[in-house]
Amino acid sequence: MTWLIAAIGWAGAGGLLTAYLLLLGGRTSADSHLYLSLNFVGSACLAVSTSAVHAWPSAAVNLIWLALGSAPLIRAWVKLHGQRQRPEHRCGQ
């Protein structure tokens, strides 16, 4: 079980670092669904991992990061899926 908790933590750390590197490299924006999703999943994994080992300050920061990222992530996904589902409307036809 210990290795699973550690793997979850490492996956979370990798997700957060990947999001940040993509942002710094200009490959994504801070309001993109990719960046927000990586941050959300990464902070959730780190919150689980740090909670399991009773690292409460780190767990609290990751839970706060998770909560703060929820609203922008929901908006980005709604916007993305709204654009995909909306049929094309052509003027004059």
PDB file of N, CA and C in Angstrom:
ATOM      1  N   MET A   1       0.816  -1.202   0.000  1.00  0.00           N
ATOM      2  CA  MET A   1       0.000   0.000   0.000  1.00  0.00           C
ATOM      3  C   MET A   1       0.862   1.269   0.000  1.00  0.00           C
ATOM      4  N   THR A   2       1.991   1.192   0.677  1.00  0.00           N
ATOM      5  CA  THR A   2       2.881   2.346   0.743  1.00  0.00           C
ATOM      6  C   THR A   2       3.376   2.745  -0.640  1.00  0.00           C
ATOM      7  N   TRP A   3       3.698   1.763  -1.469  1.00  0.00           N
ATOM      8  CA  TRP A   3       4.195   2.073  -2.809  1.00  0.00           C
ATOM      9  C   TRP A   3       3.106   2.723  -3.659  1.00  0.00           C
ATOM     10  N   LEU A   4       1.838   2.336  -3.424  1.00  0.00           N
ATOM     11  CA  LEU A   4       0.725   2.922  -4.171  1.00  0.00           C
ATOM     12  C   LEU A   4       0.545   4.398  -3.816  1.00  0.00           C
ATOM     13  N   ILE A   5       0.610   4.700  -2.527  1.00  0.00           N
ATOM     14  CA  ILE A   5       0.496   6.096  -2.070  1.00  0.00           C
ATOM     15  C   ILE A   5       1.646   6.925  -2.638  1.00  0.00           C
ATOM     16  N   ALA A   6       2.844   6.367  -2.623  1.00  0.00           N
ATOM     17  CA  ALA A   6       4.001   7.077  -3.180  1.00  0.00           C
ATOM     18  C   ALA A   6       3.833   7.290  -4.686  1.00  0.00           C
ATOM     19  N   ALA A   7       3.342   6.281  -5.389  1.00  0.00           N
ATOM     20  CA  ALA A   7       3.134   6.407  -6.833  1.00  0.00           C
ATOM     21  C   ALA A   7       2.095   7.479  -7.146  1.00  0.00           C
ATOM     22  N   ILE A   8       1.038   7.530  -6.351  1.00  0.00           N
ATOM     23  CA  ILE A   8       0.020   8.578  -6.527  1.00  0.00           C
ATOM     24  C   ILE A   8       0.645   9.953  -6.323  1.00  0.00           C
ATOM     25  N   GLY A   9       1.461  10.083  -5.299  1.00  0.00           N
ATOM     26  CA  GLY A   9       2.136  11.359  -5.039  1.00  0.00           C
ATOM     27  C   GLY A   9       3.067  11.766  -6.159  1.00  0.00           C
ATOM     28  N   TRP A  10       3.847  10.806  -6.671  1.00  0.00           N
ATOM     29  CA  TRP A  10       4.755  11.105  -7.774  1.00  0.00           C
ATOM     30  C   TRP A  10       3.998  11.464  -9.044  1.00  0.00           C
ATOM     31  N   ALA A  11       2.898  10.791  -9.282  1.00  0.00           N
ATOM     32  CA  ALA A  11       2.074  11.123 -10.452  1.00  0.00           C
ATOM     33  C   ALA A  11       1.528  12.545 -10.329  1.00  0.00           C
ATOM     34  N   GLY A  12       1.090  12.905  -9.131  1.00  0.00           N
ATOM     35  CA  GLY A  12       0.592  14.262  -8.894  1.00  0.00           C
ATOM     36  C   GLY A  12       1.672  15.306  -9.101  1.00  0.00           C
ATOM     37  N   ALA A  13       2.855  15.032  -8.560  1.00  0.00           N
ATOM     38  CA  ALA A  13       3.971  15.967  -8.732  1.00  0.00           C
ATOM     39  C   ALA A  13       4.319  16.102 -10.213  1.00  0.00           C
ATOM     40  N   GLY A  14       4.331  14.977 -10.924  1.00  0.00           N
ATOM     41  CA  GLY A  14       4.615  15.017 -12.356  1.00  0.00           C
ATOM     42  C   GLY A  14       3.575  15.814 -13.128  1.00  0.00           C
ATOM     43  N   GLY A  15       2.308  15.647 -12.750  1.00  0.00           N
ATOM     44  CA  GLY A  15       1.237  16.404 -13.405  1.00  0.00           C
ATOM     45  C   GLY A  15       1.375  17.901 -13.206  1.00  0.00           C
ATOM     46  N   LEU A  16       1.660  18.308 -11.971  1.00  0.00           N
ATOM     47  CA  LEU A  16       1.820  19.740 -11.700  1.00  0.00           C
ATOM     48  C   LEU A  16       3.034  20.314 -12.422  1.00  0.00           C
ATOM     49  N   LEU A  17       4.136  19.576 -12.401  1.00  0.00           N
ATOM     50  CA  LEU A  17       5.330  20.057 -13.101  1.00  0.00           C
ATOM     51  C   LEU A  17       5.129  20.113 -14.605  1.00  0.00           C
ATOM     52  N   THR A  18       4.443  19.127 -15.146  1.00  0.00           N
ATOM     53  CA  THR A  18       4.151  19.133 -16.588  1.00  0.00           C
ATOM     54  C   THR A  18       3.300  20.338 -16.961  1.00  0.00           C
ATOM     55  N   ALA A  19       2.271  20.610 -16.160  1.00  0.00           N
ATOM     56  CA  ALA A  19       1.413  21.772 -16.422  1.00  0.00           C
ATOM     57  C   ALA A  19       2.235  23.061 -16.426  1.00  0.00           C
ATOM     58  N   TYR A  20       3.107  23.196 -15.444  1.00  0.00           N
ATOM     59  CA  TYR A  20       3.916  24.410 -15.330  1.00  0.00           C
ATOM     60  C   TYR A  20       4.903  24.527 -16.495  1.00  0.00           C
ATOM     61  N   LEU A  21       5.530  23.427 -16.870  1.00  0.00           N
ATOM     62  CA  LEU A  21       6.468  23.469 -17.993  1.00  0.00           C
ATOM     63  C   LEU A  21       5.761  23.793 -19.305  1.00  0.00           C
ATOM     64  N   LEU A  22       4.574  23.233 -19.506  1.00  0.00           N
ATOM     65  CA  LEU A  22       3.800  23.559 -20.713  1.00  0.00           C
ATOM     66  C   LEU A  22       3.440  25.043 -20.742  1.00  0.00           C
ATOM     67  N   LEU A  23       3.098  25.586 -19.589  1.00  0.00           N
ATOM     68  CA  LEU A  23       2.762  27.004 -19.500  1.00  0.00           C
ATOM     69  C   LEU A  23       3.989  27.863 -19.793  1.00  0.00           C
ATOM     70  N   LEU A  24       5.109  27.540 -19.162  1.00  0.00           N
ATOM     71  CA  LEU A  24       6.334  28.307 -19.377  1.00  0.00           C
ATOM     72  C   LEU A  24       6.812  28.228 -20.826  1.00  0.00           C
ATOM     73  N   GLY A  25       6.616  27.082 -21.456  1.00  0.00           N
ATOM     74  CA  GLY A  25       7.053  26.901 -22.841  1.00  0.00           C
ATOM     75  C   GLY A  25       6.096  27.481 -23.859  1.00  0.00           C
ATOM     76  N   GLY A  26       4.992  28.053 -23.400  1.00  0.00           N
ATOM     77  CA  GLY A  26       4.032  28.649 -24.305  1.00  0.00           C
ATOM     78  C   GLY A  26       3.197  27.628 -25.062  1.00  0.00           C
ATOM     79  N   ARG A  27       3.188  26.376 -24.604  1.00  0.00           N
ATOM     80  CA  ARG A  27       2.434  25.333 -25.291  1.00  0.00           C
ATOM     81  C   ARG A  27       0.994  25.252 -24.826  1.00  0.00           C
ATOM     82  N   THR A  28       0.674  25.970 -23.757  1.00  0.00           N
ATOM     83  CA  THR A  28      -0.697  26.042 -23.250  1.00  0.00           C
ATOM     84  C   THR A  28      -0.867  27.385 -22.553  1.00  0.00           C
ATOM     85  N   SER A  29      -2.097  27.711 -22.217  1.00  0.00           N
ATOM     86  CA  SER A  29      -2.363  28.961 -21.493  1.00  0.00           C
ATOM     87  C   SER A  29      -2.921  28.617 -20.117  1.00  0.00           C
ATOM     88  N   ALA A  30      -2.906  29.587 -19.239  1.00  0.00           N
ATOM     89  CA  ALA A  30      -3.353  29.375 -17.868  1.00  0.00           C
ATOM     90  C   ALA A  30      -4.844  29.096 -17.770  1.00  0.00           C
ATOM     91  N   ASP A  31      -5.604  29.402 -18.816  1.00  0.00           N
ATOM     92  CA  ASP A  31      -7.043  29.128 -18.776  1.00  0.00           C
ATOM     93  C   ASP A  31      -7.446  27.963 -19.686  1.00  0.00           C
ATOM     94  N   SER A  32      -6.454  27.205 -20.177  1.00  0.00           N
ATOM     95  CA  SER A  32      -6.770  26.060 -21.038  1.00  0.00           C
ATOM     96  C   SER A  32      -7.221  24.873 -20.201  1.00  0.00           C
ATOM     97  N   HIS A  33      -8.054  24.028 -20.809  1.00  0.00           N
ATOM     98  CA  HIS A  33      -8.526  22.847 -20.089  1.00  0.00           C
ATOM     99  C   HIS A  33      -7.378  21.893 -19.771  1.00  0.00           C
ATOM    100  N   LEU A  34      -6.346  21.834 -20.605  1.00  0.00           N
ATOM    101  CA  LEU A  34      -5.200  20.971 -20.350  1.00  0.00           C
ATOM    102  C   LEU A  34      -4.464  21.404 -19.089  1.00  0.00           C
ATOM    103  N   TYR A  35      -4.107  22.670 -19.025  1.00  0.00           N
ATOM    104  CA  TYR A  35      -3.383  23.199 -17.859  1.00  0.00           C
ATOM    105  C   TYR A  35      -4.210  23.032 -16.589  1.00  0.00           C
ATOM    106  N   LEU A  36      -5.467  23.406 -16.650  1.00  0.00           N
ATOM    107  CA  LEU A  36      -6.324  23.324 -15.473  1.00  0.00           C
ATOM    108  C   LEU A  36      -6.561  21.879 -15.049  1.00  0.00           C
ATOM    109  N   SER A  37      -6.699  20.974 -16.015  1.00  0.00           N
ATOM    110  CA  SER A  37      -6.901  19.561 -15.690  1.00  0.00           C
ATOM    111  C   SER A  37      -5.657  18.958 -15.036  1.00  0.00           C
ATOM    112  N   LEU A  38      -4.494  19.258 -15.594  1.00  0.00           N
ATOM    113  CA  LEU A  38      -3.258  18.754 -15.000  1.00  0.00           C
ATOM    114  C   LEU A  38      -3.082  19.275 -13.581  1.00  0.00           C
ATOM    115  N   ASN A  39      -3.401  20.543 -13.360  1.00  0.00           N
ATOM    116  CA  ASN A  39      -3.314  21.107 -12.014  1.00  0.00           C
ATOM    117  C   ASN A  39      -4.305  20.439 -11.069  1.00  0.00           C
ATOM    118  N   PHE A  40      -5.526  20.229 -11.536  1.00  0.00           N
ATOM    119  CA  PHE A  40      -6.569  19.627 -10.706  1.00  0.00           C
ATOM    120  C   PHE A  40      -6.189  18.197 -10.308  1.00  0.00           C
ATOM    121  N   VAL A  41      -5.839  17.386 -11.295  1.00  0.00           N
ATOM    122  CA  VAL A  41      -5.499  15.990 -11.013  1.00  0.00           C
ATOM    123  C   VAL A  41      -4.208  15.906 -10.190  1.00  0.00           C
ATOM    124  N   GLY A  42      -3.240  16.721 -10.528  1.00  0.00           N
ATOM    125  CA  GLY A  42      -1.982  16.724  -9.784  1.00  0.00           C
ATOM    126  C   GLY A  42      -2.163  17.091  -8.327  1.00  0.00           C
ATOM    127  N   SER A  43      -2.934  18.132  -8.066  1.00  0.00           N
ATOM    128  CA  SER A  43      -3.145  18.530  -6.676  1.00  0.00           C
ATOM    129  C   SER A  43      -4.003  17.514  -5.938  1.00  0.00           C
ATOM    130  N   ALA A  44      -4.947  16.867  -6.618  1.00  0.00           N
ATOM    131  CA  ALA A  44      -5.751  15.817  -5.981  1.00  0.00           C
ATOM    132  C   ALA A  44      -4.863  14.639  -5.583  1.00  0.00           C
ATOM    133  N   CYS A  45      -3.979  14.228  -6.487  1.00  0.00           N
ATOM    134  CA  CYS A  45      -3.068  13.122  -6.175  1.00  0.00           C
ATOM    135  C   CYS A  45      -2.140  13.473  -5.018  1.00  0.00           C
ATOM    136  N   LEU A  46      -1.611  14.673  -5.033  1.00  0.00           N
ATOM    137  CA  LEU A  46      -0.725  15.081  -3.938  1.00  0.00           C
ATOM    138  C   LEU A  46      -1.489  15.210  -2.629  1.00  0.00           C
ATOM    139  N   ALA A  47      -2.731  15.655  -2.675  1.00  0.00           N
ATOM    140  CA  ALA A  47      -3.540  15.753  -1.459  1.00  0.00           C
ATOM    141  C   ALA A  47      -3.763  14.366  -0.860  1.00  0.00           C
ATOM    142  N   VAL A  48      -4.064  13.390  -1.705  1.00  0.00           N
ATOM    143  CA  VAL A  48      -4.250  12.012  -1.237  1.00  0.00           C
ATOM    144  C   VAL A  48      -2.954  11.484  -0.629  1.00  0.00           C
ATOM    145  N   SER A  49      -1.874  11.661  -1.345  1.00  0.00           N
ATOM    146  CA  SER A  49      -0.584  11.141  -0.905  1.00  0.00           C
ATOM    147  C   SER A  49      -0.124  11.772   0.407  1.00  0.00           C
ATOM    148  N   THR A  50      -0.215  13.075   0.486  1.00  0.00           N
ATOM    149  CA  THR A  50       0.255  13.748   1.703  1.00  0.00           C
ATOM    150  C   THR A  50      -0.677  13.516   2.885  1.00  0.00           C
ATOM    151  N   SER A  51      -1.950  13.347   2.620  1.00  0.00           N
ATOM    152  CA  SER A  51      -2.883  13.019   3.704  1.00  0.00           C
ATOM    153  C   SER A  51      -2.591  11.635   4.273  1.00  0.00           C
ATOM    154  N   ALA A  52      -2.272  10.710   3.404  1.00  0.00           N
ATOM    155  CA  ALA A  52      -2.013   9.335   3.833  1.00  0.00           C
ATOM    156  C   ALA A  52      -0.818   9.231   4.767  1.00  0.00           C
ATOM    157  N   VAL A  53       0.143  10.122   4.589  1.00  0.00           N
ATOM    158  CA  VAL A  53       1.326  10.098   5.456  1.00  0.00           C
ATOM    159  C   VAL A  53       1.263  11.177   6.537  1.00  0.00           C
ATOM    160  N   HIS A  54       0.089  11.772   6.690  1.00  0.00           N
ATOM    161  CA  HIS A  54      -0.176  12.773   7.731  1.00  0.00           C
ATOM    162  C   HIS A  54       0.701  14.023   7.612  1.00  0.00           C
ATOM    163  N   ALA A  55       1.013  14.402   6.376  1.00  0.00           N
ATOM    164  CA  ALA A  55       1.734  15.654   6.123  1.00  0.00           C
ATOM    165  C   ALA A  55       0.676  16.736   5.929  1.00  0.00           C
ATOM    166  N   TRP A  56       0.057  17.156   7.027  1.00  0.00           N
ATOM    167  CA  TRP A  56      -1.131  17.997   6.979  1.00  0.00           C
ATOM    168  C   TRP A  56      -0.923  19.363   6.347  1.00  0.00           C
ATOM    169  N   PRO A  57       0.189  20.064   6.584  1.00  0.00           N
ATOM    170  CA  PRO A  57       0.354  21.361   5.902  1.00  0.00           C
ATOM    171  C   PRO A  57       0.357  21.223   4.374  1.00  0.00           C
ATOM    172  N   SER A  58       1.074  20.230   3.873  1.00  0.00           N
ATOM    173  CA  SER A  58       1.109  20.008   2.427  1.00  0.00           C
ATOM    174  C   SER A  58      -0.252  19.552   1.910  1.00  0.00           C
ATOM    175  N   ALA A  59      -0.916  18.693   2.666  1.00  0.00           N
ATOM    176  CA  ALA A  59      -2.253  18.237   2.271  1.00  0.00           C
ATOM    177  C   ALA A  59      -3.218  19.416   2.194  1.00  0.00           C
ATOM    178  N   ALA A  60      -3.138  20.314   3.165  1.00  0.00           N
ATOM    179  CA  ALA A  60      -4.029  21.479   3.189  1.00  0.00           C
ATOM    180  C   ALA A  60      -3.779  22.377   1.977  1.00  0.00           C
ATOM    181  N   VAL A  61      -2.521  22.618   1.660  1.00  0.00           N
ATOM    182  CA  VAL A  61      -2.196  23.461   0.506  1.00  0.00           C
ATOM    183  C   VAL A  61      -2.737  22.824  -0.779  1.00  0.00           C
ATOM    184  N   ASN A  62      -2.579  21.522  -0.915  1.00  0.00           N
ATOM    185  CA  ASN A  62      -3.056  20.850  -2.122  1.00  0.00           C
ATOM    186  C   ASN A  62      -4.574  20.818  -2.187  1.00  0.00           C
ATOM    187  N   LEU A  63      -5.245  20.678  -1.073  1.00  0.00           N
ATOM    188  CA  LEU A  63      -6.711  20.737  -1.069  1.00  0.00           C
ATOM    189  C   LEU A  63      -7.202  22.136  -1.421  1.00  0.00           C
ATOM    190  N   ILE A  64      -6.521  23.154  -0.924  1.00  0.00           N
ATOM    191  CA  ILE A  64      -6.882  24.538  -1.270  1.00  0.00           C
ATOM    192  C   ILE A  64      -6.633  24.767  -2.762  1.00  0.00           C
ATOM    193  N   TRP A  65      -5.488  24.295  -3.276  1.00  0.00           N
ATOM    194  CA  TRP A  65      -5.165  24.414  -4.701  1.00  0.00           C
ATOM    195  C   TRP A  65      -6.225  23.719  -5.547  1.00  0.00           C
ATOM    196  N   LEU A  66      -6.659  22.556  -5.085  1.00  0.00           N
ATOM    197  CA  LEU A  66      -7.708  21.794  -5.759  1.00  0.00           C
ATOM    198  C   LEU A  66      -9.016  22.579  -5.787  1.00  0.00           C
ATOM    199  N   ALA A  67      -9.388  23.150  -4.649  1.00  0.00           N
ATOM    200  CA  ALA A  67     -10.638  23.914  -4.561  1.00  0.00           C
ATOM    201  C   ALA A  67     -10.583  25.169  -5.437  1.00  0.00           C
ATOM    202  N   LEU A  68      -9.458  25.875  -5.399  1.00  0.00           N
ATOM    203  CA  LEU A  68      -9.325  27.091  -6.208  1.00  0.00           C
ATOM    204  C   LEU A  68      -9.358  26.789  -7.702  1.00  0.00           C
ATOM    205  N   GLY A  69      -8.855  25.642  -8.096  1.00  0.00           N
ATOM    206  CA  GLY A  69      -8.817  25.286  -9.502  1.00  0.00           C
ATOM    207  C   GLY A  69     -10.112  24.689 -10.034  1.00  0.00           C
ATOM    208  N   SER A  70     -11.045  24.374  -9.156  1.00  0.00           N
ATOM    209  CA  SER A  70     -12.287  23.716  -9.597  1.00  0.00           C
ATOM    210  C   SER A  70     -13.141  24.598 -10.497  1.00  0.00           C
ATOM    211  N   ALA A  71     -13.406  25.815 -10.088  1.00  0.00           N
ATOM    212  CA  ALA A  71     -14.293  26.697 -10.861  1.00  0.00           C
ATOM    213  C   ALA A  71     -13.730  27.005 -12.247  1.00  0.00           C
ATOM    214  N   PRO A  72     -12.454  27.401 -12.376  1.00  0.00           N
ATOM    215  CA  PRO A  72     -11.935  27.655 -13.726  1.00  0.00           C
ATOM    216  C   PRO A  72     -11.915  26.393 -14.591  1.00  0.00           C
ATOM    217  N   LEU A  73     -11.671  25.242 -13.983  1.00  0.00           N
ATOM    218  CA  LEU A  73     -11.676  23.991 -14.740  1.00  0.00           C
ATOM    219  C   LEU A  73     -13.069  23.683 -15.265  1.00  0.00           C
ATOM    220  N   ILE A  74     -14.066  23.849 -14.438  1.00  0.00           N
ATOM    221  CA  ILE A  74     -15.448  23.611 -14.868  1.00  0.00           C
ATOM    222  C   ILE A  74     -15.815  24.559 -16.004  1.00  0.00           C
ATOM    223  N   ARG A  75     -15.453  25.844 -15.874  1.00  0.00           N
ATOM    224  CA  ARG A  75     -15.740  26.810 -16.940  1.00  0.00           C
ATOM    225  C   ARG A  75     -15.044  26.425 -18.245  1.00  0.00           C
ATOM    226  N   ALA A  76     -13.792  25.996 -18.151  1.00  0.00           N
ATOM    227  CA  ALA A  76     -13.040  25.616 -19.357  1.00  0.00           C
ATOM    228  C   ALA A  76     -13.658  24.393 -20.023  1.00  0.00           C
ATOM    229  N   TRP A  77     -14.084  23.403 -19.256  1.00  0.00           N
ATOM    230  CA  TRP A  77     -14.685  22.205 -19.835  1.00  0.00           C
ATOM    231  C   TRP A  77     -16.058  22.505 -20.431  1.00  0.00           C
ATOM    232  N   VAL A  78     -16.820  23.353 -19.765  1.00  0.00           N
ATOM    233  CA  VAL A  78     -18.130  23.734 -20.311  1.00  0.00           C
ATOM    234  C   VAL A  78     -17.940  24.473 -21.633  1.00  0.00           C
ATOM    235  N   LYS A  79     -16.986  25.376 -21.657  1.00  0.00           N
ATOM    236  CA  LYS A  79     -16.702  26.129 -22.886  1.00  0.00           C
ATOM    237  C   LYS A  79     -16.237  25.191 -23.994  1.00  0.00           C
ATOM    238  N   LEU A  80     -15.333  24.266 -23.676  1.00  0.00           N
ATOM    239  CA  LEU A  80     -14.820  23.328 -24.667  1.00  0.00           C
ATOM    240  C   LEU A  80     -15.928  22.436 -25.208  1.00  0.00           C
ATOM    241  N   HIS A  81     -16.721  21.857 -24.344  1.00  0.00           N
ATOM    242  CA  HIS A  81     -17.772  20.947 -24.789  1.00  0.00           C
ATOM    243  C   HIS A  81     -18.931  21.697 -25.439  1.00  0.00           C
ATOM    244  N   GLY A  82     -19.169  22.918 -25.048  1.00  0.00           N
ATOM    245  CA  GLY A  82     -20.200  23.732 -25.688  1.00  0.00           C
ATOM    246  C   GLY A  82     -19.846  24.044 -27.123  1.00  0.00           C
ATOM    247  N   GLN A  83     -18.570  24.292 -27.382  1.00  0.00           N
ATOM    248  CA  GLN A  83     -18.122  24.584 -28.747  1.00  0.00           C
ATOM    249  C   GLN A  83     -18.189  23.345 -29.622  1.00  0.00           C
ATOM    250  N   ARG A  84     -17.938  22.185 -29.063  1.00  0.00           N
ATOM    251  CA  ARG A  84     -17.953  20.944 -29.847  1.00  0.00           C
ATOM    252  C   ARG A  84     -19.370  20.510 -30.187  1.00  0.00           C
ATOM    253  N   GLN A  85     -20.325  20.778 -29.302  1.00  0.00           N
ATOM    254  CA  GLN A  85     -21.681  20.296 -29.496  1.00  0.00           C
ATOM    255  C   GLN A  85     -22.558  21.256 -30.274  1.00  0.00           C
ATOM    256  N   ARG A  86     -22.148  22.490 -30.370  1.00  0.00           N
ATOM    257  CA  ARG A  86     -22.947  23.488 -31.072  1.00  0.00           C
ATOM    258  C   ARG A  86     -22.831  23.272 -32.570  1.00  0.00           C
ATOM    259  N   PRO A  87     -23.937  23.072 -33.266  1.00  0.00           N
ATOM    260  CA  PRO A  87     -23.868  22.886 -34.723  1.00  0.00           C
ATOM    261  C   PRO A  87     -23.476  24.193 -35.401  1.00  0.00           C
ATOM    262  N   GLU A  88     -22.877  24.041 -36.569  1.00  0.00           N
ATOM    263  CA  GLU A  88     -22.483  25.222 -37.322  1.00  0.00           C
ATOM    264  C   GLU A  88     -23.727  25.956 -37.804  1.00  0.00           C
ATOM    265  N   HIS A  89     -23.682  27.246 -37.701  1.00  0.00           N
ATOM    266  CA  HIS A  89     -24.784  28.079 -38.169  1.00  0.00           C
ATOM    267  C   HIS A  89     -24.237  28.975 -39.275  1.00  0.00           C
ATOM    268  N   ARG A  90     -24.806  28.845 -40.430  1.00  0.00           N
ATOM    269  CA  ARG A  90     -24.351  29.643 -41.561  1.00  0.00           C
ATOM    270  C   ARG A  90     -25.403  30.670 -41.903  1.00  0.00           C
ATOM    271  N   CYS A  91     -24.961  31.894 -42.102  1.00  0.00           N
ATOM    272  CA  CYS A  91     -25.886  32.972 -42.450  1.00  0.00           C
ATOM    273  C   CYS A  91     -26.459  32.751 -43.845  1.00  0.00           C
ATOM    274  N   GLY A  92     -27.743  32.988 -43.991  1.00  0.00           N
ATOM    275  CA  GLY A  92     -28.383  32.917 -45.293  1.00  0.00           C
ATOM    276  C   GLY A  92     -28.751  31.527 -45.747  1.00  0.00           C
ATOM    277  N   GLN A  93     -28.601  30.562 -44.889  1.00  0.00           N
ATOM    278  CA  GLN A  93     -28.936  29.183 -45.301  1.00  0.00           C
ATOM    279  C   GLN A  93     -29.966  28.605 -44.386  1.00  0.00           C
TER     280      GLN A  93
END
